[in-house]
């Protein structure tokens, strides 16, 4: 089963959310930074690599806060693994996204997130 890591990066009570580009699958929907765990990687290694590629931050480390399976229509199930980022070096910079925003947790439900993130967002909102 494909594993996908998602980073919950917090600053001043706000969470970093990123909007996919029009060219990507799930075009212009919001997500948490992260991505697929590659063969030979552990989820923490994938998290560090993805955040370097997407945000230009180094040595990102986090603690797992939840995981669950999700199946997009017509696709194989994936395992989503959410990490609260506890530290990193550098300043998050938008390297691949259409847009990035820092939003309070209670506002996340107002954004059009990729469907797989929905269960996690509901735990933040209520």
PDB file of N, CA and C in Angstrom:
ATOM      1  N   UNK A   1       0.846  -1.186   0.000  1.00  0.00           N
ATOM      2  CA  UNK A   1       0.000   0.000   0.000  1.00  0.00           C
ATOM      3  C   UNK A   1       0.888   1.245   0.000  1.00  0.00           C
ATOM      4  N   UNK A   2       0.533   2.192  -0.833  1.00  0.00           N
ATOM      5  CA  UNK A   2       1.280   3.448  -0.895  1.00  0.00           C
ATOM      6  C   UNK A   2       1.057   4.214   0.403  1.00  0.00           C
ATOM      7  N   UNK A   3       2.153   4.709   0.974  1.00  0.00           N
ATOM      8  CA  UNK A   3       2.094   5.555   2.159  1.00  0.00           C
ATOM      9  C   UNK A   3       2.338   6.997   1.732  1.00  0.00           C
ATOM     10  N   UNK A   4       1.576   7.911   2.325  1.00  0.00           N
ATOM     11  CA  UNK A   4       1.703   9.335   2.034  1.00  0.00           C
ATOM     12  C   UNK A   4       1.849  10.075   3.358  1.00  0.00           C
ATOM     13  N   UNK A   5       2.884  10.910   3.452  1.00  0.00           N
ATOM     14  CA  UNK A   5       3.098  11.698   4.665  1.00  0.00           C
ATOM     15  C   UNK A   5       2.552  13.107   4.465  1.00  0.00           C
ATOM     16  N   UNK A   6       2.007  13.662   5.547  1.00  0.00           N
ATOM     17  CA  UNK A   6       1.476  15.024   5.528  1.00  0.00           C
ATOM     18  C   UNK A   6       2.026  15.760   6.744  1.00  0.00           C
ATOM     19  N   UNK A   7       2.516  16.970   6.526  1.00  0.00           N
ATOM     20  CA  UNK A   7       3.161  17.754   7.580  1.00  0.00           C
ATOM     21  C   UNK A   7       2.217  18.822   8.110  1.00  0.00           C
ATOM     22  N   UNK A   8       2.065  18.833   9.415  1.00  0.00           N
ATOM     23  CA  UNK A   8       1.317  19.891  10.084  1.00  0.00           C
ATOM     24  C   UNK A   8       2.368  20.833  10.675  1.00  0.00           C
ATOM     25  N   UNK A   9       2.603  21.921   9.959  1.00  0.00           N
ATOM     26  CA  UNK A   9       3.604  22.920  10.351  1.00  0.00           C
ATOM     27  C   UNK A   9       2.847  24.073  10.998  1.00  0.00           C
ATOM     28  N   UNK A  10       3.145  24.343  12.263  1.00  0.00           N
ATOM     29  CA  UNK A  10       2.431  25.382  12.993  1.00  0.00           C
ATOM     30  C   UNK A  10       3.361  26.543  13.328  1.00  0.00           C
ATOM     31  N   UNK A  11       2.771  27.732  13.331  1.00  0.00           N
ATOM     32  CA  UNK A  11       3.501  28.950  13.716  1.00  0.00           C
ATOM     33  C   UNK A  11       2.480  29.946  14.253  1.00  0.00           C
ATOM     34  N   UNK A  12       2.714  30.434  15.456  1.00  0.00           N
ATOM     35  CA  UNK A  12       1.843  31.450  16.049  1.00  0.00           C
ATOM     36  C   UNK A  12       0.373  31.058  16.000  1.00  0.00           C
ATOM     37  N   UNK A  13       0.078  29.791  16.286  1.00  0.00           N
ATOM     38  CA  UNK A  13      -1.304  29.328  16.325  1.00  0.00           C
ATOM     39  C   UNK A  13      -1.932  29.090  14.963  1.00  0.00           C
ATOM     40  N   UNK A  14      -1.139  29.145  13.913  1.00  0.00           N
ATOM     41  CA  UNK A  14      -1.651  28.935  12.557  1.00  0.00           C
ATOM     42  C   UNK A  14      -0.949  27.733  11.928  1.00  0.00           C
ATOM     43  N   UNK A  15      -1.629  27.112  10.971  1.00  0.00           N
ATOM     44  CA  UNK A  15      -1.109  25.931  10.285  1.00  0.00           C
ATOM     45  C   UNK A  15      -0.853  26.273   8.824  1.00  0.00           C
ATOM     46  N   UNK A  16       0.268  25.789   8.303  1.00  0.00           N
ATOM     47  CA  UNK A  16       0.626  26.020   6.905  1.00  0.00           C
ATOM     48  C   UNK A  16      -0.198  25.102   6.007  1.00  0.00           C
ATOM     49  N   UNK A  17      -0.923  25.698   5.060  1.00  0.00           N
ATOM     50  CA  UNK A  17      -1.657  24.926   4.058  1.00  0.00           C
ATOM     51  C   UNK A  17      -1.191  25.370   2.677  1.00  0.00           C
ATOM     52  N   UNK A  18      -1.255  24.446   1.728  1.00  0.00           N
ATOM     53  CA  UNK A  18      -0.708  24.694   0.399  1.00  0.00           C
ATOM     54  C   UNK A  18      -1.738  24.322  -0.650  1.00  0.00           C
ATOM     55  N   UNK A  19      -1.809  25.113  -1.708  1.00  0.00           N
ATOM     56  CA  UNK A  19      -2.771  24.881  -2.778  1.00  0.00           C
ATOM     57  C   UNK A  19      -2.053  24.296  -3.987  1.00  0.00           C
ATOM     58  N   UNK A  20      -2.570  23.178  -4.461  1.00  0.00           N
ATOM     59  CA  UNK A  20      -1.983  22.497  -5.609  1.00  0.00           C
ATOM     60  C   UNK A  20      -2.123  23.368  -6.862  1.00  0.00           C
ATOM     61  N   UNK A  21      -1.259  23.141  -7.831  1.00  0.00           N
ATOM     62  CA  UNK A  21      -1.334  23.903  -9.079  1.00  0.00           C
ATOM     63  C   UNK A  21      -2.446  23.351  -9.968  1.00  0.00           C
ATOM     64  N   UNK A  22      -2.788  24.111 -10.989  1.00  0.00           N
ATOM     65  CA  UNK A  22      -3.829  23.691 -11.933  1.00  0.00           C
ATOM     66  C   UNK A  22      -3.404  22.469 -12.738  1.00  0.00           C
ATOM     67  N   UNK A  23      -2.096  22.228 -12.850  1.00  0.00           N
ATOM     68  CA  UNK A  23      -1.589  21.112 -13.650  1.00  0.00           C
ATOM     69  C   UNK A  23      -1.562  19.797 -12.871  1.00  0.00           C
ATOM     70  N   UNK A  24      -1.666  19.850 -11.556  1.00  0.00           N
ATOM     71  CA  UNK A  24      -1.600  18.645 -10.734  1.00  0.00           C
ATOM     72  C   UNK A  24      -2.959  17.962 -10.645  1.00  0.00           C
ATOM     73  N   UNK A  25      -2.928  16.670 -10.251  1.00  0.00           N
ATOM     74  CA  UNK A  25      -4.192  16.023  -9.920  1.00  0.00           C
ATOM     75  C   UNK A  25      -4.782  16.777  -8.727  1.00  0.00           C
ATOM     76  N   UNK A  26      -6.071  16.733  -8.572  1.00  0.00           N
ATOM     77  CA  UNK A  26      -6.767  17.502  -7.530  1.00  0.00           C
ATOM     78  C   UNK A  26      -6.422  18.988  -7.682  1.00  0.00           C
ATOM     79  N   UNK A  27      -6.520  19.457  -8.901  1.00  0.00           N
ATOM     80  CA  UNK A  27      -6.114  20.817  -9.262  1.00  0.00           C
ATOM     81  C   UNK A  27      -6.732  21.868  -8.354  1.00  0.00           C
ATOM     82  N   UNK A  28      -5.876  22.756  -7.888  1.00  0.00           N
ATOM     83  CA  UNK A  28      -6.218  23.930  -7.095  1.00  0.00           C
ATOM     84  C   UNK A  28      -6.891  23.614  -5.763  1.00  0.00           C
ATOM     85  N   UNK A  29      -6.817  22.359  -5.336  1.00  0.00           N
ATOM     86  CA  UNK A  29      -7.313  22.037  -4.001  1.00  0.00           C
ATOM     87  C   UNK A  29      -6.186  22.237  -2.995  1.00  0.00           C
ATOM     88  N   UNK A  30      -6.572  22.406  -1.744  1.00  0.00           N
ATOM     89  CA  UNK A  30      -5.618  22.641  -0.666  1.00  0.00           C
ATOM     90  C   UNK A  30      -5.177  21.316  -0.068  1.00  0.00           C
ATOM     91  N   UNK A  31      -3.982  21.321   0.508  1.00  0.00           N
ATOM     92  CA  UNK A  31      -3.432  20.138   1.159  1.00  0.00           C
ATOM     93  C   UNK A  31      -2.394  20.592   2.170  1.00  0.00           C
ATOM     94  N   UNK A  32      -1.936  19.639   2.950  1.00  0.00           N
ATOM     95  CA  UNK A  32      -0.787  19.869   3.818  1.00  0.00           C
ATOM     96  C   UNK A  32       0.450  19.457   3.036  1.00  0.00           C
ATOM     97  N   UNK A  33       1.571  20.121   3.214  1.00  0.00           N
ATOM     98  CA  UNK A  33       2.767  19.717   2.481  1.00  0.00           C
ATOM     99  C   UNK A  33       3.151  18.282   2.822  1.00  0.00           C
ATOM    100  N   UNK A  34       3.769  17.613   1.869  1.00  0.00           N
ATOM    101  CA  UNK A  34       4.182  16.220   2.058  1.00  0.00           C
ATOM    102  C   UNK A  34       4.063  15.470   0.753  1.00  0.00           C
ATOM    103  N   UNK A  35       4.045  14.149   0.834  1.00  0.00           N
ATOM    104  CA  UNK A  35       3.930  13.356  -0.382  1.00  0.00           C
ATOM    105  C   UNK A  35       4.205  11.887  -0.120  1.00  0.00           C
ATOM    106  N   UNK A  36       4.392  11.161  -1.219  1.00  0.00           N
ATOM    107  CA  UNK A  36       4.549   9.707  -1.156  1.00  0.00           C
ATOM    108  C   UNK A  36       5.878   9.299  -0.536  1.00  0.00           C
ATOM    109  N   UNK A  37       5.818   8.203   0.224  1.00  0.00           N
ATOM    110  CA  UNK A  37       7.016   7.563   0.748  1.00  0.00           C
ATOM    111  C   UNK A  37       7.593   6.718  -0.388  1.00  0.00           C
ATOM    112  N   UNK A  38       8.838   6.986  -0.749  1.00  0.00           N
ATOM    113  CA  UNK A  38       9.494   6.265  -1.844  1.00  0.00           C
ATOM    114  C   UNK A  38      10.045   4.933  -1.349  1.00  0.00           C
ATOM    115  N   UNK A  39      10.242   3.955  -2.270  1.00  0.00           N
ATOM    116  CA  UNK A  39      10.824   2.672  -1.863  1.00  0.00           C
ATOM    117  C   UNK A  39      12.157   2.876  -1.135  1.00  0.00           C
ATOM    118  N   UNK A  40      12.315   2.179  -0.016  1.00  0.00           N
ATOM    119  CA  UNK A  40      13.539   2.281   0.769  1.00  0.00           C
ATOM    120  C   UNK A  40      13.535   3.393   1.800  1.00  0.00           C
ATOM    121  N   UNK A  41      12.520   4.248   1.791  1.00  0.00           N
ATOM    122  CA  UNK A  41      12.418   5.346   2.755  1.00  0.00           C
ATOM    123  C   UNK A  41      11.498   4.956   3.916  1.00  0.00           C
ATOM    124  N   UNK A  42      11.767   5.525   5.066  1.00  0.00           N
ATOM    125  CA  UNK A  42      10.817   5.466   6.172  1.00  0.00           C
ATOM    126  C   UNK A  42       9.912   6.699   6.053  1.00  0.00           C
ATOM    127  N   UNK A  43       8.743   6.688   6.692  1.00  0.00           N
ATOM    128  CA  UNK A  43       7.919   7.902   6.660  1.00  0.00           C
ATOM    129  C   UNK A  43       8.647   9.150   7.164  1.00  0.00           C
ATOM    130  N   UNK A  44       9.417   9.101   8.257  1.00  0.00           N
ATOM    131  CA  UNK A  44      10.140  10.324   8.660  1.00  0.00           C
ATOM    132  C   UNK A  44      11.155  10.795   7.614  1.00  0.00           C
ATOM    133  N   UNK A  45      11.805   9.865   6.921  1.00  0.00           N
ATOM    134  CA  UNK A  45      12.744  10.254   5.860  1.00  0.00           C
ATOM    135  C   UNK A  45      11.995  10.910   4.704  1.00  0.00           C
ATOM    136  N   UNK A  46      10.845  10.353   4.343  1.00  0.00           N
ATOM    137  CA  UNK A  46      10.040  10.937   3.263  1.00  0.00           C
ATOM    138  C   UNK A  46       9.573  12.337   3.645  1.00  0.00           C
ATOM    139  N   UNK A  47       9.177  12.505   4.889  1.00  0.00           N
ATOM    140  CA  UNK A  47       8.740  13.810   5.371  1.00  0.00           C
ATOM    141  C   UNK A  47       9.851  14.838   5.215  1.00  0.00           C
ATOM    142  N   UNK A  48      11.047  14.489   5.644  1.00  0.00           N
ATOM    143  CA  UNK A  48      12.186  15.415   5.537  1.00  0.00           C
ATOM    144  C   UNK A  48      12.472  15.742   4.074  1.00  0.00           C
ATOM    145  N   UNK A  49      12.480  14.726   3.198  1.00  0.00           N
ATOM    146  CA  UNK A  49      12.756  14.941   1.776  1.00  0.00           C
ATOM    147  C   UNK A  49      11.679  15.811   1.127  1.00  0.00           C
ATOM    148  N   UNK A  50      10.416  15.471   1.363  1.00  0.00           N
ATOM    149  CA  UNK A  50       9.321  16.224   0.744  1.00  0.00           C
ATOM    150  C   UNK A  50       9.321  17.691   1.170  1.00  0.00           C
ATOM    151  N   UNK A  51       9.569  17.953   2.450  1.00  0.00           N
ATOM    152  CA  UNK A  51       9.556  19.345   2.908  1.00  0.00           C
ATOM    153  C   UNK A  51      10.738  20.129   2.358  1.00  0.00           C
ATOM    154  N   UNK A  52      11.853  19.461   2.126  1.00  0.00           N
ATOM    155  CA  UNK A  52      12.983  20.131   1.470  1.00  0.00           C
ATOM    156  C   UNK A  52      12.616  20.470   0.026  1.00  0.00           C
ATOM    157  N   UNK A  53      11.974  19.526  -0.682  1.00  0.00           N
ATOM    158  CA  UNK A  53      11.623  19.744  -2.085  1.00  0.00           C
ATOM    159  C   UNK A  53      10.520  20.787  -2.248  1.00  0.00           C
ATOM    160  N   UNK A  54       9.538  20.775  -1.362  1.00  0.00           N
ATOM    161  CA  UNK A  54       8.367  21.640  -1.525  1.00  0.00           C
ATOM    162  C   UNK A  54       8.513  23.009  -0.868  1.00  0.00           C
ATOM    163  N   UNK A  55       9.228  23.044   0.274  1.00  0.00           N
ATOM    164  CA  UNK A  55       9.303  24.281   1.059  1.00  0.00           C
ATOM    165  C   UNK A  55      10.714  24.805   1.265  1.00  0.00           C
ATOM    166  N   UNK A  56      11.713  24.033   0.864  1.00  0.00           N
ATOM    167  CA  UNK A  56      13.090  24.464   1.016  1.00  0.00           C
ATOM    168  C   UNK A  56      13.592  24.458   2.444  1.00  0.00           C
ATOM    169  N   UNK A  57      12.905  23.751   3.340  1.00  0.00           N
ATOM    170  CA  UNK A  57      13.390  23.669   4.715  1.00  0.00           C
ATOM    171  C   UNK A  57      14.186  22.375   4.895  1.00  0.00           C
ATOM    172  N   UNK A  58      15.117  22.398   5.833  1.00  0.00           N
ATOM    173  CA  UNK A  58      16.024  21.267   6.044  1.00  0.00           C
ATOM    174  C   UNK A  58      15.818  20.677   7.434  1.00  0.00           C
ATOM    175  N   UNK A  59      16.178  19.411   7.528  1.00  0.00           N
ATOM    176  CA  UNK A  59      16.190  18.707   8.815  1.00  0.00           C
ATOM    177  C   UNK A  59      14.836  18.765   9.518  1.00  0.00           C
ATOM    178  N   UNK A  60      13.750  18.704   8.746  1.00  0.00           N
ATOM    179  CA  UNK A  60      12.410  18.711   9.349  1.00  0.00           C
ATOM    180  C   UNK A  60      12.214  17.412  10.122  1.00  0.00           C
ATOM    181  N   UNK A  61      11.726  17.558  11.326  1.00  0.00           N
ATOM    182  CA  UNK A  61      11.454  16.393  12.167  1.00  0.00           C
ATOM    183  C   UNK A  61      10.092  16.577  12.813  1.00  0.00           C
ATOM    184  N   UNK A  62       9.372  15.474  12.941  1.00  0.00           N
ATOM    185  CA  UNK A  62       8.052  15.565  13.538  1.00  0.00           C
ATOM    186  C   UNK A  62       7.681  14.312  14.284  1.00  0.00           C
ATOM    187  N   UNK A  63       6.546  14.372  14.949  1.00  0.00           N
ATOM    188  CA  UNK A  63       5.996  13.216  15.643  1.00  0.00           C
ATOM    189  C   UNK A  63       4.677  12.860  14.969  1.00  0.00           C
ATOM    190  N   UNK A  64       4.461  11.568  14.800  1.00  0.00           N
ATOM    191  CA  UNK A  64       3.224  11.121  14.168  1.00  0.00           C
ATOM    192  C   UNK A  64       2.053  11.419  15.095  1.00  0.00           C
ATOM    193  N   UNK A  65       0.992  11.998  14.519  1.00  0.00           N
ATOM    194  CA  UNK A  65      -0.184  12.310  15.337  1.00  0.00           C
ATOM    195  C   UNK A  65      -1.386  11.460  14.963  1.00  0.00           C
ATOM    196  N   UNK A  66      -1.462  10.971  13.734  1.00  0.00           N
ATOM    197  CA  UNK A  66      -2.534  10.056  13.353  1.00  0.00           C
ATOM    198  C   UNK A  66      -2.191   9.446  12.009  1.00  0.00           C
ATOM    199  N   UNK A  67      -2.880   8.334  11.704  1.00  0.00           N
ATOM    200  CA  UNK A  67      -2.769   7.710  10.387  1.00  0.00           C
ATOM    201  C   UNK A  67      -4.084   7.004  10.101  1.00  0.00           C
ATOM    202  N   UNK A  68      -4.435   6.967   8.827  1.00  0.00           N
ATOM    203  CA  UNK A  68      -5.627   6.221   8.418  1.00  0.00           C
ATOM    204  C   UNK A  68      -5.556   5.921   6.931  1.00  0.00           C
ATOM    205  N   UNK A  69      -6.331   4.916   6.532  1.00  0.00           N
ATOM    206  CA  UNK A  69      -6.419   4.570   5.116  1.00  0.00           C
ATOM    207  C   UNK A  69      -7.488   5.424   4.457  1.00  0.00           C
ATOM    208  N   UNK A  70      -7.238   5.760   3.193  1.00  0.00           N
ATOM    209  CA  UNK A  70      -8.222   6.488   2.402  1.00  0.00           C
ATOM    210  C   UNK A  70      -8.156   5.949   0.979  1.00  0.00           C
ATOM    211  N   UNK A  71      -9.320   5.848   0.337  1.00  0.00           N
ATOM    212  CA  UNK A  71      -9.370   5.382  -1.046  1.00  0.00           C
ATOM    213  C   UNK A  71     -10.069   6.438  -1.898  1.00  0.00           C
ATOM    214  N   UNK A  72      -9.327   7.011  -2.833  1.00  0.00           N
ATOM    215  CA  UNK A  72      -9.934   7.917  -3.805  1.00  0.00           C
ATOM    216  C   UNK A  72     -10.696   7.070  -4.815  1.00  0.00           C
ATOM    217  N   UNK A  73     -11.801   7.574  -5.349  1.00  0.00           N
ATOM    218  CA  UNK A  73     -12.583   6.784  -6.313  1.00  0.00           C
ATOM    219  C   UNK A  73     -11.721   6.274  -7.472  1.00  0.00           C
ATOM    220  N   UNK A  74     -11.840   4.990  -7.749  1.00  0.00           N
ATOM    221  CA  UNK A  74     -11.119   4.390  -8.866  1.00  0.00           C
ATOM    222  C   UNK A  74      -9.640   4.159  -8.618  1.00  0.00           C
ATOM    223  N   UNK A  75      -9.178   4.328  -7.392  1.00  0.00           N
ATOM    224  CA  UNK A  75      -7.752   4.193  -7.059  1.00  0.00           C
ATOM    225  C   UNK A  75      -7.575   3.133  -5.984  1.00  0.00           C
ATOM    226  N   UNK A  76      -6.345   2.688  -5.789  1.00  0.00           N
ATOM    227  CA  UNK A  76      -6.026   1.773  -4.693  1.00  0.00           C
ATOM    228  C   UNK A  76      -5.970   2.556  -3.385  1.00  0.00           C
ATOM    229  N   UNK A  77      -6.214   1.890  -2.256  1.00  0.00           N
ATOM    230  CA  UNK A  77      -6.139   2.594  -0.969  1.00  0.00           C
ATOM    231  C   UNK A  77      -4.725   3.122  -0.707  1.00  0.00           C
ATOM    232  N   UNK A  78      -4.660   4.229   0.021  1.00  0.00           N
ATOM    233  CA  UNK A  78      -3.392   4.788   0.476  1.00  0.00           C
ATOM    234  C   UNK A  78      -3.438   4.884   1.997  1.00  0.00           C
ATOM    235  N   UNK A  79      -2.273   4.916   2.610  1.00  0.00           N
ATOM    236  CA  UNK A  79      -2.175   5.138   4.051  1.00  0.00           C
ATOM    237  C   UNK A  79      -1.655   6.548   4.252  1.00  0.00           C
ATOM    238  N   UNK A  80      -2.486   7.407   4.819  1.00  0.00           N
ATOM    239  CA  UNK A  80      -2.098   8.792   5.111  1.00  0.00           C
ATOM    240  C   UNK A  80      -1.526   8.848   6.522  1.00  0.00           C
ATOM    241  N   UNK A  81      -0.336   9.431   6.652  1.00  0.00           N
ATOM    242  CA  UNK A  81       0.343   9.538   7.941  1.00  0.00           C
ATOM    243  C   UNK A  81       0.601  11.022   8.206  1.00  0.00           C
ATOM    244  N   UNK A  82      -0.007  11.548   9.261  1.00  0.00           N
ATOM    245  CA  UNK A  82       0.112  12.965   9.592  1.00  0.00           C
ATOM    246  C   UNK A  82       1.147  13.152  10.704  1.00  0.00           C
ATOM    247  N   UNK A  83       2.041  14.110  10.497  1.00  0.00           N
ATOM    248  CA  UNK A  83       3.095  14.424  11.457  1.00  0.00           C
ATOM    249  C   UNK A  83       2.973  15.878  11.901  1.00  0.00           C
ATOM    250  N   UNK A  84       3.096  16.125  13.199  1.00  0.00           N
ATOM    251  CA  UNK A  84       3.240  17.487  13.703  1.00  0.00           C
ATOM    252  C   UNK A  84       4.734  17.795  13.658  1.00  0.00           C
ATOM    253  N   UNK A  85       5.090  18.825  12.930  1.00  0.00           N
ATOM    254  CA  UNK A  85       6.496  19.178  12.765  1.00  0.00           C
ATOM    255  C   UNK A  85       6.972  19.897  14.025  1.00  0.00           C
ATOM    256  N   UNK A  86       8.027  19.343  14.605  1.00  0.00           N
ATOM    257  CA  UNK A  86       8.549  19.872  15.862  1.00  0.00           C
ATOM    258  C   UNK A  86       9.756  20.785  15.655  1.00  0.00           C
ATOM    259  N   UNK A  87      10.378  20.707  14.488  1.00  0.00           N
ATOM    260  CA  UNK A  87      11.521  21.573  14.238  1.00  0.00           C
ATOM    261  C   UNK A  87      12.043  21.414  12.825  1.00  0.00           C
ATOM    262  N   UNK A  88      12.710  22.433  12.339  1.00  0.00           N
ATOM    263  CA  UNK A  88      13.335  22.429  11.016  1.00  0.00           C
ATOM    264  C   UNK A  88      14.281  23.602  10.938  1.00  0.00           C
ATOM    265  N   UNK A  89      15.098  23.609   9.892  1.00  0.00           N
ATOM    266  CA  UNK A  89      16.001  24.726   9.633  1.00  0.00           C
ATOM    267  C   UNK A  89      15.547  25.435   8.367  1.00  0.00           C
ATOM    268  N   UNK A  90      15.655  26.751   8.373  1.00  0.00           N
ATOM    269  CA  UNK A  90      15.271  27.543   7.211  1.00  0.00           C
ATOM    270  C   UNK A  90      13.888  28.149   7.379  1.00  0.00           C
ATOM    271  N   UNK A  91      13.449  28.831   6.350  1.00  0.00           N
ATOM    272  CA  UNK A  91      12.146  29.497   6.333  1.00  0.00           C
ATOM    273  C   UNK A  91      11.303  28.861   5.232  1.00  0.00           C
ATOM    274  N   UNK A  92      10.080  28.386   5.541  1.00  0.00           N
ATOM    275  CA  UNK A  92       9.250  27.792   4.493  1.00  0.00           C
ATOM    276  C   UNK A  92       9.035  28.765   3.327  1.00  0.00           C
ATOM    277  N   UNK A  93       9.351  28.287   2.137  1.00  0.00           N
ATOM    278  CA  UNK A  93       9.246  29.059   0.905  1.00  0.00           C
ATOM    279  C   UNK A  93       8.444  28.239  -0.101  1.00  0.00           C
ATOM    280  N   UNK A  94       7.588  28.887  -0.835  1.00  0.00           N
ATOM    281  CA  UNK A  94       6.769  28.192  -1.826  1.00  0.00           C
ATOM    282  C   UNK A  94       7.622  27.840  -3.047  1.00  0.00           C
ATOM    283  N   UNK A  95       7.958  26.556  -3.185  1.00  0.00           N
ATOM    284  CA  UNK A  95       8.769  26.118  -4.320  1.00  0.00           C
ATOM    285  C   UNK A  95       7.959  25.436  -5.413  1.00  0.00           C
ATOM    286  N   UNK A  96       6.776  24.912  -5.101  1.00  0.00           N
ATOM    287  CA  UNK A  96       6.022  24.157  -6.117  1.00  0.00           C
ATOM    288  C   UNK A  96       4.520  24.442  -6.139  1.00  0.00           C
ATOM    289  N   UNK A  97       3.999  25.144  -5.168  1.00  0.00           N
ATOM    290  CA  UNK A  97       2.553  25.271  -5.036  1.00  0.00           C
ATOM    291  C   UNK A  97       2.009  26.502  -5.766  1.00  0.00           C
ATOM    292  N   UNK A  98       0.720  26.486  -6.023  1.00  0.00           N
ATOM    293  CA  UNK A  98       0.035  27.649  -6.572  1.00  0.00           C
ATOM    294  C   UNK A  98       0.017  28.774  -5.530  1.00  0.00           C
ATOM    295  N   UNK A  99      -0.145  28.364  -4.247  1.00  0.00           N
ATOM    296  CA  UNK A  99      -0.296  29.344  -3.169  1.00  0.00           C
ATOM    297  C   UNK A  99      -0.035  28.646  -1.833  1.00  0.00           C
ATOM    298  N   UNK A 100       0.435  29.408  -0.862  1.00  0.00           N
ATOM    299  CA  UNK A 100       0.612  28.931   0.515  1.00  0.00           C
ATOM    300  C   UNK A 100      -0.010  29.944   1.455  1.00  0.00           C
ATOM    301  N   UNK A 101      -0.600  29.429   2.557  1.00  0.00           N
ATOM    302  CA  UNK A 101      -1.193  30.327   3.553  1.00  0.00           C
ATOM    303  C   UNK A 101      -1.007  29.745   4.942  1.00  0.00           C
ATOM    304  N   UNK A 102      -0.949  30.616   5.925  1.00  0.00           N
ATOM    305  CA  UNK A 102      -0.965  30.229   7.338  1.00  0.00           C
ATOM    306  C   UNK A 102      -2.365  30.535   7.847  1.00  0.00           C
ATOM    307  N   UNK A 103      -3.076  29.510   8.314  1.00  0.00           N
ATOM    308  CA  UNK A 103      -4.464  29.681   8.746  1.00  0.00           C
ATOM    309  C   UNK A 103      -4.683  29.071  10.128  1.00  0.00           C
ATOM    310  N   UNK A 104      -5.571  29.678  10.934  1.00  0.00           N
ATOM    311  CA  UNK A 104      -5.890  29.074  12.227  1.00  0.00           C
ATOM    312  C   UNK A 104      -6.627  27.750  12.007  1.00  0.00           C
ATOM    313  N   UNK A 105      -6.420  26.770  12.889  1.00  0.00           N
ATOM    314  CA  UNK A 105      -7.041  25.454  12.703  1.00  0.00           C
ATOM    315  C   UNK A 105      -8.551  25.505  12.506  1.00  0.00           C
ATOM    316  N   UNK A 106      -9.220  26.407  13.202  1.00  0.00           N
ATOM    317  CA  UNK A 106     -10.681  26.463  13.103  1.00  0.00           C
ATOM    318  C   UNK A 106     -11.175  26.944  11.734  1.00  0.00           C
ATOM    319  N   UNK A 107     -10.304  27.517  10.927  1.00  0.00           N
ATOM    320  CA  UNK A 107     -10.703  28.006   9.593  1.00  0.00           C
ATOM    321  C   UNK A 107     -10.480  26.977   8.485  1.00  0.00           C
ATOM    322  N   UNK A 108      -9.770  25.894   8.770  1.00  0.00           N
ATOM    323  CA  UNK A 108      -9.385  24.964   7.705  1.00  0.00           C
ATOM    324  C   UNK A 108     -10.582  24.333   7.008  1.00  0.00           C
ATOM    325  N   UNK A 109     -11.661  24.093   7.724  1.00  0.00           N
ATOM    326  CA  UNK A 109     -12.839  23.467   7.118  1.00  0.00           C
ATOM    327  C   UNK A 109     -13.453  24.336   6.015  1.00  0.00           C
ATOM    328  N   UNK A 110     -13.131  25.623   5.975  1.00  0.00           N
ATOM    329  CA  UNK A 110     -13.679  26.523   4.954  1.00  0.00           C
ATOM    330  C   UNK A 110     -12.951  26.398   3.616  1.00  0.00           C
ATOM    331  N   UNK A 111     -11.826  25.679   3.586  1.00  0.00           N
ATOM    332  CA  UNK A 111     -11.029  25.539   2.367  1.00  0.00           C
ATOM    333  C   UNK A 111     -11.378  24.236   1.648  1.00  0.00           C
ATOM    334  N   UNK A 112     -11.219  24.240   0.342  1.00  0.00           N
ATOM    335  CA  UNK A 112     -11.485  23.052  -0.476  1.00  0.00           C
ATOM    336  C   UNK A 112     -10.245  22.158  -0.473  1.00  0.00           C
ATOM    337  N   UNK A 113     -10.146  21.308   0.547  1.00  0.00           N
ATOM    338  CA  UNK A 113      -9.014  20.395   0.686  1.00  0.00           C
ATOM    339  C   UNK A 113      -9.213  19.140  -0.154  1.00  0.00           C
ATOM    340  N   UNK A 114      -8.096  18.482  -0.492  1.00  0.00           N
ATOM    341  CA  UNK A 114      -8.185  17.164  -1.114  1.00  0.00           C
ATOM    342  C   UNK A 114      -8.974  16.270  -0.160  1.00  0.00           C
ATOM    343  N   UNK A 115      -9.754  15.354  -0.736  1.00  0.00           N
ATOM    344  CA  UNK A 115     -10.685  14.560   0.054  1.00  0.00           C
ATOM    345  C   UNK A 115     -10.006  13.752   1.156  1.00  0.00           C
ATOM    346  N   UNK A 116      -8.805  13.247   0.875  1.00  0.00           N
ATOM    347  CA  UNK A 116      -8.120  12.417   1.851  1.00  0.00           C
ATOM    348  C   UNK A 116      -7.803  13.130   3.155  1.00  0.00           C
ATOM    349  N   UNK A 117      -7.677  14.450   3.123  1.00  0.00           N
ATOM    350  CA  UNK A 117      -7.362  15.213   4.335  1.00  0.00           C
ATOM    351  C   UNK A 117      -8.602  15.519   5.168  1.00  0.00           C
ATOM    352  N   UNK A 118      -9.779  15.217   4.642  1.00  0.00           N
ATOM    353  CA  UNK A 118     -11.030  15.585   5.302  1.00  0.00           C
ATOM    354  C   UNK A 118     -11.183  15.047   6.704  1.00  0.00           C
ATOM    355  N   UNK A 119     -10.873  13.763   6.925  1.00  0.00           N
ATOM    356  CA  UNK A 119     -11.022  13.185   8.266  1.00  0.00           C
ATOM    357  C   UNK A 119     -10.147  13.920   9.270  1.00  0.00           C
ATOM    358  N   UNK A 120      -8.926  14.241   8.869  1.00  0.00           N
ATOM    359  CA  UNK A 120      -8.019  14.953   9.775  1.00  0.00           C
ATOM    360  C   UNK A 120      -8.553  16.350  10.084  1.00  0.00           C
ATOM    361  N   UNK A 121      -9.025  17.054   9.088  1.00  0.00           N
ATOM    362  CA  UNK A 121      -9.525  18.415   9.286  1.00  0.00           C
ATOM    363  C   UNK A 121     -10.744  18.403  10.212  1.00  0.00           C
ATOM    364  N   UNK A 122     -11.585  17.383  10.078  1.00  0.00           N
ATOM    365  CA  UNK A 122     -12.745  17.294  10.982  1.00  0.00           C
ATOM    366  C   UNK A 122     -12.302  17.126  12.432  1.00  0.00           C
ATOM    367  N   UNK A 123     -11.193  16.455  12.695  1.00  0.00           N
ATOM    368  CA  UNK A 123     -10.720  16.317  14.078  1.00  0.00           C
ATOM    369  C   UNK A 123     -10.220  17.655  14.611  1.00  0.00           C
ATOM    370  N   UNK A 124      -9.718  18.524  13.748  1.00  0.00           N
ATOM    371  CA  UNK A 124      -9.271  19.851  14.180  1.00  0.00           C
ATOM    372  C   UNK A 124     -10.442  20.769  14.461  1.00  0.00           C
ATOM    373  N   UNK A 125     -11.518  20.605  13.671  1.00  0.00           N
ATOM    374  CA  UNK A 125     -12.649  21.528  13.755  1.00  0.00           C
ATOM    375  C   UNK A 125     -13.626  21.161  14.857  1.00  0.00           C
ATOM    376  N   UNK A 126     -13.583  19.951  15.306  1.00  0.00           N
ATOM    377  CA  UNK A 126     -14.613  19.596  16.267  1.00  0.00           C
ATOM    378  C   UNK A 126     -14.157  18.517  17.123  1.00  0.00           C
TER     379      UNK A 126
END
